[in-house]
Structures are given as C-alpha cells and as structure tokens.
Amino acid sequence: MLKSLLELYITFFKIGAVTFGGGYAMLPILERELVGKKKWTTMENLMDYYAISQVTPGVIAVNVATFVGYRKSRVSGGICATLGVVTPSIIIITIIAMFISNFEDIVWVQKALAGINVAVTALLTYAVFNFAKKSIKQWWGVIFYAFAFAAIFFWKVPSVAVVLVAAVSGIIITWATGGLRKVSEKSEGDSGKEVSK
C-alpha cells in the first residue's frame, strides 16, 4: 500500500514539475504517463475527469490528479496524487517570490518566458485537437462543438454554463435515442459476467 502511494506521489510530482500552462497543457503528459506507461486509467476516463474538473471548483490539473489517485488507492491515493502534483509548483513559486524583484527586469528571463509561452500554446493546440478527435464521435457532437465554441468565443458565455447545458443536452439526446437503455443493458450484462466468474 505504501509503495503504491509513493508511486502515485512521485508520478504526479514529475508531471507537476514539467507542466507549464495549466490543466489543458497537461493533457498530453497525463495521457503518456497515466494511460500509456502506468495503465492506471483509459483515455476515455481521463477525458471524463477533465470534463468533470471543468464544472467542479479548483484547478483542473489538481482535480484530475485527485480523481486518478482516488481511483487507484481511494482517499489516501487521492491525497498523495494531489500533493504530488502541487508540490513542484509550491517549491518553484516560493523561490520565484523570493527573488521576483531581481528577475522580472532581466532581458533573458523575459525572453525565456516568451519562449515558454509559445511552447505552451503548441501544447494547448495539440491537447485541443487530440481531445476533440477522441470526444466528438456522433453528429450531435459536432453541433455541440460549434455552438459551444460560438457561445464562449463570440457571446462570452461562462464556460461552466456551456458545460452544464451540454451535459443536460447529452443526457436528453441519449435518452431520446434509446442510449440509456443500451447502457443499462450493458451494465447488467457486465454484472452477470462477474457473477458467473
């Protein structure tokens, strides 16, 4: 148990230490580490965590770490994963805060930050395209995507409202097309297989 918790902490510490640009920029790194290397979750579950993190209080990266940690080792896993992902930020921010007055006017620091911003933009672009490619699977998903983009970009609708409307609309469409019944039948079938084992 202790080994598992330590592994969670170290993994998320490494993720937190090399991620710039917040939760969205973290998606490619999370996918590589948690889905590809560790096999702790699937890409579908990871995207679900991102969606839920959008409508819950707190930072997306921290919320995702908490979800993954909890799934792996319950409450103690959630705590270790969360501590792991925030520890590098606490250390770096503390150091920068101590010396910020000395660094903020240095030209090479400004240029380094400008370079980091460009790299973060590339990471965000990759994350958006990758997320869209794996999330938009039905015709109504394309319509939701277009409306959500227009609502946020043109009409400045709060992102929480857009996510909530999309969630309710998704449930209604799934119910109207009989998708809820299929999900129920599938879960019952999976339960039957577990009992037979």
N, C-alpha and C. Protein backbone atom coordinates (compact mmCIF):
# COMPACT_ATOMS: atom_id res chain seq x y z
N MET A 1 0.84 -1.21 0.00
CA MET A 1 0.00 0.00 0.00
C MET A 1 0.87 1.26 0.00
N LEU A 2 1.89 1.26 0.90
CA LEU A 2 2.78 2.42 0.99
C LEU A 2 3.54 2.63 -0.31
N LYS A 3 3.95 1.52 -0.92
CA LYS A 3 4.67 1.60 -2.19
C LYS A 3 3.79 2.20 -3.28
N SER A 4 2.52 1.81 -3.30
CA SER A 4 1.57 2.33 -4.29
C SER A 4 1.36 3.83 -4.10
N LEU A 5 1.23 4.26 -2.84
CA LEU A 5 1.03 5.69 -2.55
C LEU A 5 2.27 6.50 -2.93
N LEU A 6 3.44 5.94 -2.66
CA LEU A 6 4.69 6.63 -3.00
C LEU A 6 4.83 6.75 -4.52
N GLU A 7 4.43 5.71 -5.23
CA GLU A 7 4.47 5.74 -6.69
C GLU A 7 3.52 6.80 -7.24
N LEU A 8 2.35 6.91 -6.64
CA LEU A 8 1.40 7.95 -7.04
C LEU A 8 2.00 9.34 -6.83
N TYR A 9 2.58 9.55 -5.66
CA TYR A 9 3.15 10.86 -5.34
C TYR A 9 4.29 11.20 -6.31
N ILE A 10 5.19 10.27 -6.54
CA ILE A 10 6.36 10.53 -7.40
C ILE A 10 5.91 10.78 -8.84
N THR A 11 4.96 9.98 -9.33
CA THR A 11 4.48 10.14 -10.70
C THR A 11 3.87 11.52 -10.91
N PHE A 12 3.01 11.92 -10.00
CA PHE A 12 2.36 13.23 -10.15
C PHE A 12 3.32 14.38 -9.83
N PHE A 13 4.32 14.13 -9.00
CA PHE A 13 5.36 15.14 -8.78
C PHE A 13 6.09 15.42 -10.08
N LYS A 14 6.44 14.35 -10.79
CA LYS A 14 7.14 14.52 -12.08
C LYS A 14 6.26 15.24 -13.09
N ILE A 15 4.98 14.88 -13.12
CA ILE A 15 4.05 15.55 -14.04
C ILE A 15 3.93 17.03 -13.70
N GLY A 16 3.77 17.33 -12.42
CA GLY A 16 3.66 18.72 -11.99
C GLY A 16 4.92 19.53 -12.23
N ALA A 17 6.08 18.86 -12.21
CA ALA A 17 7.35 19.56 -12.36
C ALA A 17 7.64 19.97 -13.80
N VAL A 18 7.04 19.27 -14.76
CA VAL A 18 7.38 19.55 -16.17
C VAL A 18 6.22 20.15 -16.95
N THR A 19 5.14 20.49 -16.27
CA THR A 19 3.97 21.02 -16.96
C THR A 19 3.89 22.53 -16.81
N PHE A 20 3.83 23.22 -17.93
CA PHE A 20 3.62 24.67 -17.95
C PHE A 20 2.32 24.94 -18.70
N GLY A 21 1.55 25.91 -18.22
CA GLY A 21 0.36 26.31 -18.95
C GLY A 21 -0.94 25.79 -18.39
N GLY A 22 -0.91 25.10 -17.25
CA GLY A 22 -2.15 24.69 -16.62
C GLY A 22 -2.66 23.33 -17.08
N GLY A 23 -3.92 23.06 -16.72
CA GLY A 23 -4.51 21.73 -16.91
C GLY A 23 -4.60 21.26 -18.34
N TYR A 24 -4.93 22.15 -19.28
CA TYR A 24 -5.09 21.73 -20.67
C TYR A 24 -3.75 21.32 -21.27
N ALA A 25 -2.71 22.07 -20.95
CA ALA A 25 -1.37 21.74 -21.46
C ALA A 25 -0.87 20.44 -20.86
N MET A 26 -1.46 20.04 -19.73
CA MET A 26 -1.03 18.83 -19.04
C MET A 26 -1.58 17.56 -19.70
N LEU A 27 -2.62 17.69 -20.53
CA LEU A 27 -3.27 16.51 -21.10
C LEU A 27 -2.33 15.57 -21.83
N PRO A 28 -1.46 16.05 -22.75
CA PRO A 28 -0.56 15.11 -23.43
C PRO A 28 0.36 14.36 -22.47
N ILE A 29 0.84 15.05 -21.43
CA ILE A 29 1.73 14.41 -20.46
C ILE A 29 0.96 13.38 -19.63
N LEU A 30 -0.25 13.74 -19.20
CA LEU A 30 -1.08 12.79 -18.46
C LEU A 30 -1.41 11.56 -19.29
N GLU A 31 -1.71 11.79 -20.56
CA GLU A 31 -2.02 10.67 -21.44
C GLU A 31 -0.83 9.72 -21.56
N ARG A 32 0.36 10.29 -21.75
CA ARG A 32 1.55 9.46 -21.90
C ARG A 32 1.87 8.69 -20.62
N GLU A 33 1.81 9.39 -19.48
CA GLU A 33 2.21 8.77 -18.22
C GLU A 33 1.15 7.83 -17.66
N LEU A 34 -0.10 8.29 -17.60
CA LEU A 34 -1.14 7.54 -16.90
C LEU A 34 -1.82 6.48 -17.77
N VAL A 35 -1.97 6.80 -19.06
CA VAL A 35 -2.62 5.85 -19.97
C VAL A 35 -1.59 4.95 -20.63
N GLY A 36 -0.52 5.56 -21.16
CA GLY A 36 0.49 4.79 -21.90
C GLY A 36 1.42 3.98 -21.03
N LYS A 37 2.07 4.63 -20.06
CA LYS A 37 3.09 3.95 -19.26
C LYS A 37 2.52 3.18 -18.08
N LYS A 38 1.76 3.85 -17.23
CA LYS A 38 1.30 3.24 -15.98
C LYS A 38 0.04 2.38 -16.15
N LYS A 39 -0.76 2.66 -17.18
CA LYS A 39 -2.02 1.94 -17.41
C LYS A 39 -2.97 2.09 -16.21
N TRP A 40 -2.94 3.25 -15.56
CA TRP A 40 -3.80 3.49 -14.41
C TRP A 40 -5.21 3.87 -14.81
N THR A 41 -5.39 4.35 -16.03
CA THR A 41 -6.71 4.76 -16.49
C THR A 41 -6.74 4.65 -18.01
N THR A 42 -7.91 4.86 -18.58
CA THR A 42 -8.05 4.87 -20.04
C THR A 42 -8.18 6.31 -20.52
N MET A 43 -7.99 6.52 -21.82
CA MET A 43 -8.12 7.87 -22.36
C MET A 43 -9.55 8.37 -22.19
N GLU A 44 -10.52 7.47 -22.31
CA GLU A 44 -11.92 7.87 -22.15
C GLU A 44 -12.19 8.36 -20.72
N ASN A 45 -11.67 7.63 -19.73
CA ASN A 45 -11.83 8.05 -18.34
C ASN A 45 -11.10 9.36 -18.07
N LEU A 46 -9.92 9.51 -18.66
CA LEU A 46 -9.15 10.74 -18.47
C LEU A 46 -9.92 11.94 -19.01
N MET A 47 -10.56 11.78 -20.15
CA MET A 47 -11.36 12.87 -20.71
C MET A 47 -12.59 13.15 -19.85
N ASP A 48 -13.15 12.09 -19.24
CA ASP A 48 -14.26 12.29 -18.31
C ASP A 48 -13.82 13.11 -17.11
N TYR A 49 -12.63 12.81 -16.60
CA TYR A 49 -12.09 13.56 -15.46
C TYR A 49 -11.92 15.03 -15.82
N TYR A 50 -11.45 15.27 -17.03
CA TYR A 50 -11.29 16.66 -17.49
C TYR A 50 -12.64 17.37 -17.54
N ALA A 51 -13.64 16.68 -18.07
CA ALA A 51 -14.97 17.28 -18.18
C ALA A 51 -15.54 17.60 -16.81
N ILE A 52 -15.41 16.66 -15.88
CA ILE A 52 -15.92 16.88 -14.52
C ILE A 52 -15.14 18.01 -13.84
N SER A 53 -13.84 18.06 -14.08
CA SER A 53 -13.00 19.09 -13.46
C SER A 53 -13.38 20.49 -13.92
N GLN A 54 -13.99 20.57 -15.11
CA GLN A 54 -14.43 21.87 -15.63
C GLN A 54 -15.55 22.47 -14.79
N VAL A 55 -16.39 21.62 -14.24
CA VAL A 55 -17.57 22.13 -13.52
C VAL A 55 -17.46 21.97 -12.01
N THR A 56 -16.27 21.57 -11.53
CA THR A 56 -16.06 21.50 -10.08
C THR A 56 -15.05 22.57 -9.67
N PRO A 57 -15.14 23.04 -8.44
CA PRO A 57 -14.21 24.09 -8.00
C PRO A 57 -12.77 23.59 -8.00
N GLY A 58 -11.85 24.51 -8.23
CA GLY A 58 -10.44 24.16 -8.16
C GLY A 58 -9.77 24.10 -9.52
N VAL A 59 -8.47 23.86 -9.46
CA VAL A 59 -7.64 23.81 -10.67
C VAL A 59 -7.84 22.47 -11.36
N ILE A 60 -7.93 22.49 -12.69
CA ILE A 60 -8.19 21.27 -13.46
C ILE A 60 -7.14 20.20 -13.18
N ALA A 61 -5.86 20.57 -13.22
CA ALA A 61 -4.78 19.59 -13.03
C ALA A 61 -4.87 18.93 -11.66
N VAL A 62 -5.19 19.70 -10.64
CA VAL A 62 -5.31 19.17 -9.28
C VAL A 62 -6.51 18.24 -9.18
N ASN A 63 -7.63 18.65 -9.76
CA ASN A 63 -8.82 17.80 -9.73
C ASN A 63 -8.59 16.46 -10.43
N VAL A 64 -7.93 16.51 -11.58
CA VAL A 64 -7.65 15.27 -12.32
C VAL A 64 -6.74 14.36 -11.50
N ALA A 65 -5.71 14.94 -10.88
CA ALA A 65 -4.81 14.15 -10.04
C ALA A 65 -5.59 13.49 -8.90
N THR A 66 -6.51 14.24 -8.31
CA THR A 66 -7.32 13.70 -7.21
C THR A 66 -8.19 12.54 -7.69
N PHE A 67 -8.82 12.70 -8.86
CA PHE A 67 -9.66 11.63 -9.41
C PHE A 67 -8.85 10.36 -9.66
N VAL A 68 -7.71 10.52 -10.33
CA VAL A 68 -6.89 9.35 -10.68
C VAL A 68 -6.36 8.68 -9.41
N GLY A 69 -5.87 9.50 -8.46
CA GLY A 69 -5.36 8.94 -7.21
C GLY A 69 -6.44 8.20 -6.44
N TYR A 70 -7.64 8.78 -6.39
CA TYR A 70 -8.74 8.13 -5.69
C TYR A 70 -9.13 6.81 -6.35
N ARG A 71 -9.12 6.81 -7.67
CA ARG A 71 -9.48 5.58 -8.38
C ARG A 71 -8.46 4.47 -8.11
N LYS A 72 -7.21 4.85 -7.95
CA LYS A 72 -6.17 3.85 -7.74
C LYS A 72 -6.09 3.38 -6.30
N SER A 73 -6.16 4.32 -5.34
CA SER A 73 -5.96 3.94 -3.93
C SER A 73 -6.92 4.66 -2.98
N ARG A 74 -8.10 4.94 -3.44
CA ARG A 74 -9.15 5.56 -2.62
C ARG A 74 -8.71 6.91 -2.06
N VAL A 75 -9.10 7.23 -0.82
CA VAL A 75 -8.87 8.57 -0.27
C VAL A 75 -7.38 8.87 -0.13
N SER A 76 -6.62 7.91 0.41
CA SER A 76 -5.18 8.13 0.59
C SER A 76 -4.49 8.33 -0.77
N GLY A 77 -4.94 7.64 -1.79
CA GLY A 77 -4.38 7.82 -3.14
C GLY A 77 -4.69 9.19 -3.69
N GLY A 78 -5.93 9.66 -3.47
CA GLY A 78 -6.30 11.00 -3.93
C GLY A 78 -5.46 12.07 -3.27
N ILE A 79 -5.20 11.90 -1.97
CA ILE A 79 -4.39 12.88 -1.24
C ILE A 79 -2.95 12.87 -1.74
N CYS A 80 -2.37 11.69 -1.92
CA CYS A 80 -0.97 11.59 -2.37
C CYS A 80 -0.80 12.15 -3.78
N ALA A 81 -1.72 11.83 -4.68
CA ALA A 81 -1.63 12.33 -6.05
C ALA A 81 -1.76 13.85 -6.08
N THR A 82 -2.67 14.36 -5.29
CA THR A 82 -2.88 15.82 -5.23
C THR A 82 -1.64 16.52 -4.66
N LEU A 83 -1.10 16.00 -3.57
CA LEU A 83 0.12 16.58 -3.00
C LEU A 83 1.27 16.50 -3.99
N GLY A 84 1.36 15.39 -4.71
CA GLY A 84 2.44 15.23 -5.69
C GLY A 84 2.40 16.26 -6.80
N VAL A 85 1.20 16.54 -7.31
CA VAL A 85 1.10 17.47 -8.45
C VAL A 85 1.29 18.93 -8.04
N VAL A 86 0.99 19.26 -6.78
CA VAL A 86 1.13 20.66 -6.36
C VAL A 86 2.49 20.98 -5.73
N THR A 87 3.21 19.98 -5.26
CA THR A 87 4.49 20.22 -4.59
C THR A 87 5.49 20.98 -5.45
N PRO A 88 5.72 20.59 -6.73
CA PRO A 88 6.67 21.35 -7.55
C PRO A 88 6.29 22.82 -7.71
N SER A 89 5.00 23.09 -7.87
CA SER A 89 4.54 24.47 -8.01
C SER A 89 4.81 25.27 -6.75
N ILE A 90 4.55 24.66 -5.59
CA ILE A 90 4.79 25.35 -4.32
C ILE A 90 6.27 25.71 -4.17
N ILE A 91 7.13 24.76 -4.50
CA ILE A 91 8.58 25.00 -4.39
C ILE A 91 9.02 26.10 -5.34
N ILE A 92 8.62 25.98 -6.62
CA ILE A 92 9.06 26.95 -7.63
C ILE A 92 8.50 28.34 -7.36
N ILE A 93 7.21 28.42 -7.01
CA ILE A 93 6.59 29.72 -6.75
C ILE A 93 7.23 30.39 -5.53
N THR A 94 7.54 29.60 -4.51
CA THR A 94 8.19 30.16 -3.33
C THR A 94 9.55 30.75 -3.67
N ILE A 95 10.33 30.03 -4.47
CA ILE A 95 11.65 30.52 -4.87
C ILE A 95 11.53 31.78 -5.72
N ILE A 96 10.60 31.75 -6.69
CA ILE A 96 10.42 32.93 -7.56
C ILE A 96 9.95 34.13 -6.75
N ALA A 97 9.04 33.90 -5.81
CA ALA A 97 8.52 35.01 -4.99
C ALA A 97 9.63 35.67 -4.18
N MET A 98 10.62 34.88 -3.78
CA MET A 98 11.73 35.42 -3.00
C MET A 98 12.63 36.34 -3.84
N PHE A 99 12.72 36.03 -5.14
CA PHE A 99 13.67 36.76 -5.98
C PHE A 99 13.02 37.50 -7.15
N ILE A 100 11.67 37.60 -7.18
CA ILE A 100 10.98 38.14 -8.35
C ILE A 100 11.43 39.57 -8.68
N SER A 101 11.68 40.37 -7.66
CA SER A 101 12.08 41.76 -7.92
C SER A 101 13.44 41.82 -8.62
N ASN A 102 14.25 40.81 -8.42
CA ASN A 102 15.57 40.78 -9.06
C ASN A 102 15.52 40.22 -10.48
N PHE A 103 14.48 39.41 -10.78
CA PHE A 103 14.45 38.72 -12.06
C PHE A 103 13.55 39.36 -13.11
N GLU A 104 12.49 40.05 -12.68
CA GLU A 104 11.46 40.47 -13.63
C GLU A 104 11.95 41.45 -14.70
N ASP A 105 13.04 42.17 -14.43
CA ASP A 105 13.56 43.13 -15.41
C ASP A 105 14.72 42.59 -16.24
N ILE A 106 15.14 41.37 -15.97
CA ILE A 106 16.25 40.79 -16.72
C ILE A 106 15.75 40.35 -18.09
N VAL A 107 16.45 40.80 -19.14
CA VAL A 107 16.00 40.56 -20.52
C VAL A 107 15.93 39.08 -20.82
N TRP A 108 16.94 38.31 -20.44
CA TRP A 108 16.93 36.89 -20.81
C TRP A 108 15.81 36.12 -20.11
N VAL A 109 15.40 36.57 -18.92
CA VAL A 109 14.25 35.95 -18.24
C VAL A 109 12.97 36.23 -19.02
N GLN A 110 12.81 37.48 -19.49
CA GLN A 110 11.64 37.84 -20.28
C GLN A 110 11.58 37.03 -21.56
N LYS A 111 12.75 36.84 -22.22
CA LYS A 111 12.79 36.06 -23.46
C LYS A 111 12.50 34.59 -23.20
N ALA A 112 13.00 34.08 -22.07
CA ALA A 112 12.72 32.68 -21.72
C ALA A 112 11.23 32.47 -21.50
N LEU A 113 10.59 33.41 -20.80
CA LEU A 113 9.15 33.29 -20.57
C LEU A 113 8.36 33.39 -21.87
N ALA A 114 8.84 34.25 -22.79
CA ALA A 114 8.18 34.35 -24.10
C ALA A 114 8.28 33.02 -24.85
N GLY A 115 9.45 32.38 -24.77
CA GLY A 115 9.62 31.07 -25.41
C GLY A 115 8.73 30.01 -24.78
N ILE A 116 8.63 30.03 -23.46
CA ILE A 116 7.76 29.08 -22.76
C ILE A 116 6.31 29.27 -23.18
N ASN A 117 5.89 30.54 -23.33
CA ASN A 117 4.51 30.82 -23.77
C ASN A 117 4.21 30.22 -25.13
N VAL A 118 5.18 30.29 -26.05
CA VAL A 118 4.99 29.70 -27.38
C VAL A 118 4.86 28.18 -27.27
N ALA A 119 5.73 27.56 -26.46
CA ALA A 119 5.67 26.10 -26.28
C ALA A 119 4.35 25.68 -25.65
N VAL A 120 3.87 26.46 -24.68
CA VAL A 120 2.59 26.16 -24.03
C VAL A 120 1.44 26.27 -25.03
N THR A 121 1.52 27.26 -25.91
CA THR A 121 0.50 27.40 -26.96
C THR A 121 0.45 26.16 -27.84
N ALA A 122 1.62 25.64 -28.20
CA ALA A 122 1.69 24.42 -29.02
C ALA A 122 1.08 23.24 -28.26
N LEU A 123 1.40 23.12 -26.97
CA LEU A 123 0.83 22.03 -26.16
C LEU A 123 -0.68 22.14 -26.07
N LEU A 124 -1.18 23.35 -25.88
CA LEU A 124 -2.63 23.55 -25.80
C LEU A 124 -3.32 23.21 -27.11
N THR A 125 -2.70 23.62 -28.22
CA THR A 125 -3.27 23.31 -29.55
C THR A 125 -3.34 21.80 -29.76
N TYR A 126 -2.25 21.10 -29.42
CA TYR A 126 -2.23 19.64 -29.54
C TYR A 126 -3.33 19.02 -28.67
N ALA A 127 -3.44 19.51 -27.41
CA ALA A 127 -4.42 18.94 -26.49
C ALA A 127 -5.84 19.14 -27.01
N VAL A 128 -6.13 20.33 -27.56
CA VAL A 128 -7.47 20.61 -28.08
C VAL A 128 -7.82 19.69 -29.25
N PHE A 129 -6.90 19.56 -30.21
CA PHE A 129 -7.16 18.70 -31.37
C PHE A 129 -7.31 17.24 -30.96
N ASN A 130 -6.43 16.80 -30.06
CA ASN A 130 -6.47 15.41 -29.61
C ASN A 130 -7.76 15.13 -28.83
N PHE A 131 -8.13 16.06 -27.98
CA PHE A 131 -9.35 15.94 -27.18
C PHE A 131 -10.58 15.90 -28.09
N ALA A 132 -10.62 16.81 -29.07
CA ALA A 132 -11.76 16.87 -29.98
C ALA A 132 -11.87 15.60 -30.81
N LYS A 133 -10.72 15.11 -31.29
CA LYS A 133 -10.72 13.92 -32.15
C LYS A 133 -11.27 12.70 -31.42
N LYS A 134 -10.99 12.60 -30.12
CA LYS A 134 -11.42 11.44 -29.36
C LYS A 134 -12.79 11.63 -28.71
N SER A 135 -13.26 12.87 -28.63
CA SER A 135 -14.53 13.14 -27.95
C SER A 135 -15.71 13.25 -28.89
N ILE A 136 -15.50 13.82 -30.07
CA ILE A 136 -16.61 14.07 -30.99
C ILE A 136 -16.80 12.85 -31.88
N LYS A 137 -17.79 12.02 -31.52
CA LYS A 137 -17.99 10.75 -32.24
C LYS A 137 -19.35 10.68 -32.93
N GLN A 138 -20.32 11.50 -32.49
CA GLN A 138 -21.64 11.48 -33.10
C GLN A 138 -21.90 12.81 -33.81
N TRP A 139 -22.93 12.81 -34.67
CA TRP A 139 -23.25 14.02 -35.43
C TRP A 139 -23.62 15.18 -34.50
N TRP A 140 -24.31 14.86 -33.39
CA TRP A 140 -24.71 15.94 -32.49
C TRP A 140 -23.52 16.51 -31.74
N GLY A 141 -22.43 15.73 -31.63
CA GLY A 141 -21.22 16.23 -31.01
C GLY A 141 -20.61 17.38 -31.80
N VAL A 142 -20.69 17.29 -33.12
CA VAL A 142 -20.19 18.36 -33.98
C VAL A 142 -21.00 19.63 -33.77
N ILE A 143 -22.33 19.47 -33.65
CA ILE A 143 -23.20 20.63 -33.42
C ILE A 143 -22.91 21.25 -32.05
N PHE A 144 -22.77 20.41 -31.02
CA PHE A 144 -22.43 20.92 -29.69
C PHE A 144 -21.12 21.69 -29.72
N TYR A 145 -20.15 21.12 -30.43
CA TYR A 145 -18.83 21.75 -30.52
C TYR A 145 -18.95 23.16 -31.12
N ALA A 146 -19.68 23.25 -32.23
CA ALA A 146 -19.82 24.54 -32.91
C ALA A 146 -20.55 25.56 -32.02
N PHE A 147 -21.65 25.13 -31.38
CA PHE A 147 -22.40 26.03 -30.52
C PHE A 147 -21.60 26.45 -29.29
N ALA A 148 -20.88 25.49 -28.69
CA ALA A 148 -20.08 25.79 -27.51
C ALA A 148 -18.98 26.79 -27.84
N PHE A 149 -18.31 26.57 -28.97
CA PHE A 149 -17.25 27.50 -29.39
C PHE A 149 -17.82 28.90 -29.62
N ALA A 150 -18.94 28.97 -30.33
CA ALA A 150 -19.56 30.26 -30.61
C ALA A 150 -20.02 30.95 -29.32
N ALA A 151 -20.59 30.17 -28.40
CA ALA A 151 -21.08 30.74 -27.15
C ALA A 151 -19.94 31.35 -26.33
N ILE A 152 -18.81 30.63 -26.27
CA ILE A 152 -17.69 31.12 -25.47
C ILE A 152 -16.91 32.22 -26.19
N PHE A 153 -16.66 32.03 -27.48
CA PHE A 153 -15.80 32.96 -28.22
C PHE A 153 -16.51 34.26 -28.59
N PHE A 154 -17.73 34.13 -29.10
CA PHE A 154 -18.44 35.31 -29.60
C PHE A 154 -19.33 35.97 -28.54
N TRP A 155 -20.04 35.16 -27.77
CA TRP A 155 -21.03 35.70 -26.84
C TRP A 155 -20.55 35.74 -25.39
N LYS A 156 -19.33 35.25 -25.14
CA LYS A 156 -18.71 35.33 -23.81
C LYS A 156 -19.55 34.65 -22.72
N VAL A 157 -20.21 33.55 -23.08
CA VAL A 157 -20.98 32.78 -22.10
C VAL A 157 -20.00 32.07 -21.17
N PRO A 158 -20.24 32.08 -19.85
CA PRO A 158 -19.32 31.38 -18.93
C PRO A 158 -19.19 29.91 -19.29
N SER A 159 -17.96 29.40 -19.20
CA SER A 159 -17.70 28.01 -19.61
C SER A 159 -18.48 27.01 -18.77
N VAL A 160 -18.71 27.30 -17.49
CA VAL A 160 -19.49 26.39 -16.63
C VAL A 160 -20.91 26.23 -17.17
N ALA A 161 -21.51 27.33 -17.61
CA ALA A 161 -22.87 27.27 -18.17
C ALA A 161 -22.89 26.44 -19.44
N VAL A 162 -21.87 26.61 -20.27
CA VAL A 162 -21.80 25.84 -21.53
C VAL A 162 -21.68 24.36 -21.24
N VAL A 163 -20.82 24.00 -20.27
CA VAL A 163 -20.63 22.59 -19.92
C VAL A 163 -21.91 21.99 -19.35
N LEU A 164 -22.60 22.72 -18.49
CA LEU A 164 -23.84 22.22 -17.89
C LEU A 164 -24.94 22.02 -18.93
N VAL A 165 -25.08 22.99 -19.86
CA VAL A 165 -26.07 22.86 -20.93
C VAL A 165 -25.74 21.67 -21.82
N ALA A 166 -24.46 21.50 -22.13
CA ALA A 166 -24.04 20.35 -22.95
C ALA A 166 -24.31 19.03 -22.24
N ALA A 167 -24.08 18.99 -20.92
CA ALA A 167 -24.33 17.77 -20.16
C ALA A 167 -25.81 17.39 -20.18
N VAL A 168 -26.66 18.37 -19.92
CA VAL A 168 -28.11 18.12 -19.93
C VAL A 168 -28.58 17.71 -21.32
N SER A 169 -28.06 18.41 -22.35
CA SER A 169 -28.45 18.08 -23.73
C SER A 169 -27.99 16.68 -24.10
N GLY A 170 -26.79 16.30 -23.66
CA GLY A 170 -26.29 14.95 -23.94
C GLY A 170 -27.16 13.88 -23.33
N ILE A 171 -27.61 14.12 -22.09
CA ILE A 171 -28.49 13.16 -21.42
C ILE A 171 -29.82 13.05 -22.16
N ILE A 172 -30.38 14.20 -22.56
CA ILE A 172 -31.67 14.20 -23.27
C ILE A 172 -31.56 13.46 -24.60
N ILE A 173 -30.50 13.74 -25.35
CA ILE A 173 -30.33 13.09 -26.66
C ILE A 173 -30.11 11.59 -26.49
N THR A 174 -29.29 11.21 -25.49
CA THR A 174 -29.05 9.78 -25.25
C THR A 174 -30.35 9.08 -24.85
N TRP A 175 -31.16 9.73 -24.01
CA TRP A 175 -32.45 9.15 -23.62
C TRP A 175 -33.39 9.04 -24.82
N ALA A 176 -33.43 10.09 -25.65
CA ALA A 176 -34.34 10.10 -26.80
C ALA A 176 -33.98 9.04 -27.84
N THR A 177 -32.69 8.74 -27.96
CA THR A 177 -32.25 7.76 -28.96
C THR A 177 -32.16 6.34 -28.40
N GLY A 178 -32.57 6.17 -27.13
CA GLY A 178 -32.54 4.84 -26.52
C GLY A 178 -31.18 4.45 -25.99
N GLY A 179 -30.26 5.38 -25.93
CA GLY A 179 -28.91 5.08 -25.47
C GLY A 179 -28.83 4.71 -24.00
N LEU A 180 -29.70 5.30 -23.16
CA LEU A 180 -29.69 4.97 -21.74
C LEU A 180 -30.07 3.51 -21.50
N ARG A 181 -31.02 3.01 -22.31
CA ARG A 181 -31.42 1.62 -22.19
C ARG A 181 -30.26 0.69 -22.55
N LYS A 182 -29.50 1.07 -23.60
CA LYS A 182 -28.36 0.26 -24.02
C LYS A 182 -27.28 0.23 -22.95
N VAL A 183 -27.03 1.39 -22.32
CA VAL A 183 -26.04 1.46 -21.25
C VAL A 183 -26.47 0.59 -20.08
N SER A 184 -27.77 0.64 -19.74
CA SER A 184 -28.31 -0.15 -18.64
C SER A 184 -28.16 -1.65 -18.93
N GLU A 185 -28.50 -2.06 -20.17
CA GLU A 185 -28.38 -3.46 -20.56
C GLU A 185 -26.93 -3.91 -20.52
N LYS A 186 -26.02 -3.03 -20.94
CA LYS A 186 -24.60 -3.36 -20.95
C LYS A 186 -24.08 -3.56 -19.53
N SER A 187 -24.48 -2.66 -18.61
CA SER A 187 -24.03 -2.77 -17.22
C SER A 187 -24.60 -4.02 -16.57
N GLU A 188 -25.84 -4.37 -16.91
CA GLU A 188 -26.44 -5.60 -16.38
C GLU A 188 -25.71 -6.82 -16.90
N GLY A 189 -25.34 -6.77 -18.19
CA GLY A 189 -24.58 -7.88 -18.78
C GLY A 189 -23.22 -8.04 -18.13
N ASP A 190 -22.54 -6.92 -17.86
CA ASP A 190 -21.24 -6.97 -17.20
C ASP A 190 -21.37 -7.53 -15.78
N SER A 191 -22.45 -7.17 -15.08
CA SER A 191 -22.69 -7.68 -13.73
C SER A 191 -22.90 -9.19 -13.76
N GLY A 192 -23.65 -9.66 -14.78
CA GLY A 192 -23.89 -11.08 -14.94
C GLY A 192 -22.62 -11.86 -15.18
N LYS A 193 -21.72 -11.28 -15.97
CA LYS A 193 -20.43 -11.94 -16.24
C LYS A 193 -19.61 -12.04 -14.98
N GLU A 194 -19.62 -10.99 -14.15
CA GLU A 194 -18.84 -11.01 -12.91
C GLU A 194 -19.40 -12.06 -11.95
N VAL A 195 -20.74 -12.19 -11.89
CA VAL A 195 -21.35 -13.18 -11.02
C VAL A 195 -20.99 -14.59 -11.48
N SER A 196 -21.02 -14.82 -12.80
CA SER A 196 -20.72 -16.14 -13.36
C SER A 196 -19.27 -16.55 -13.09
N LYS A 197 -18.37 -15.53 -12.98
CA LYS A 197 -16.99 -15.85 -12.68
C LYS A 197 -16.86 -16.38 -11.26
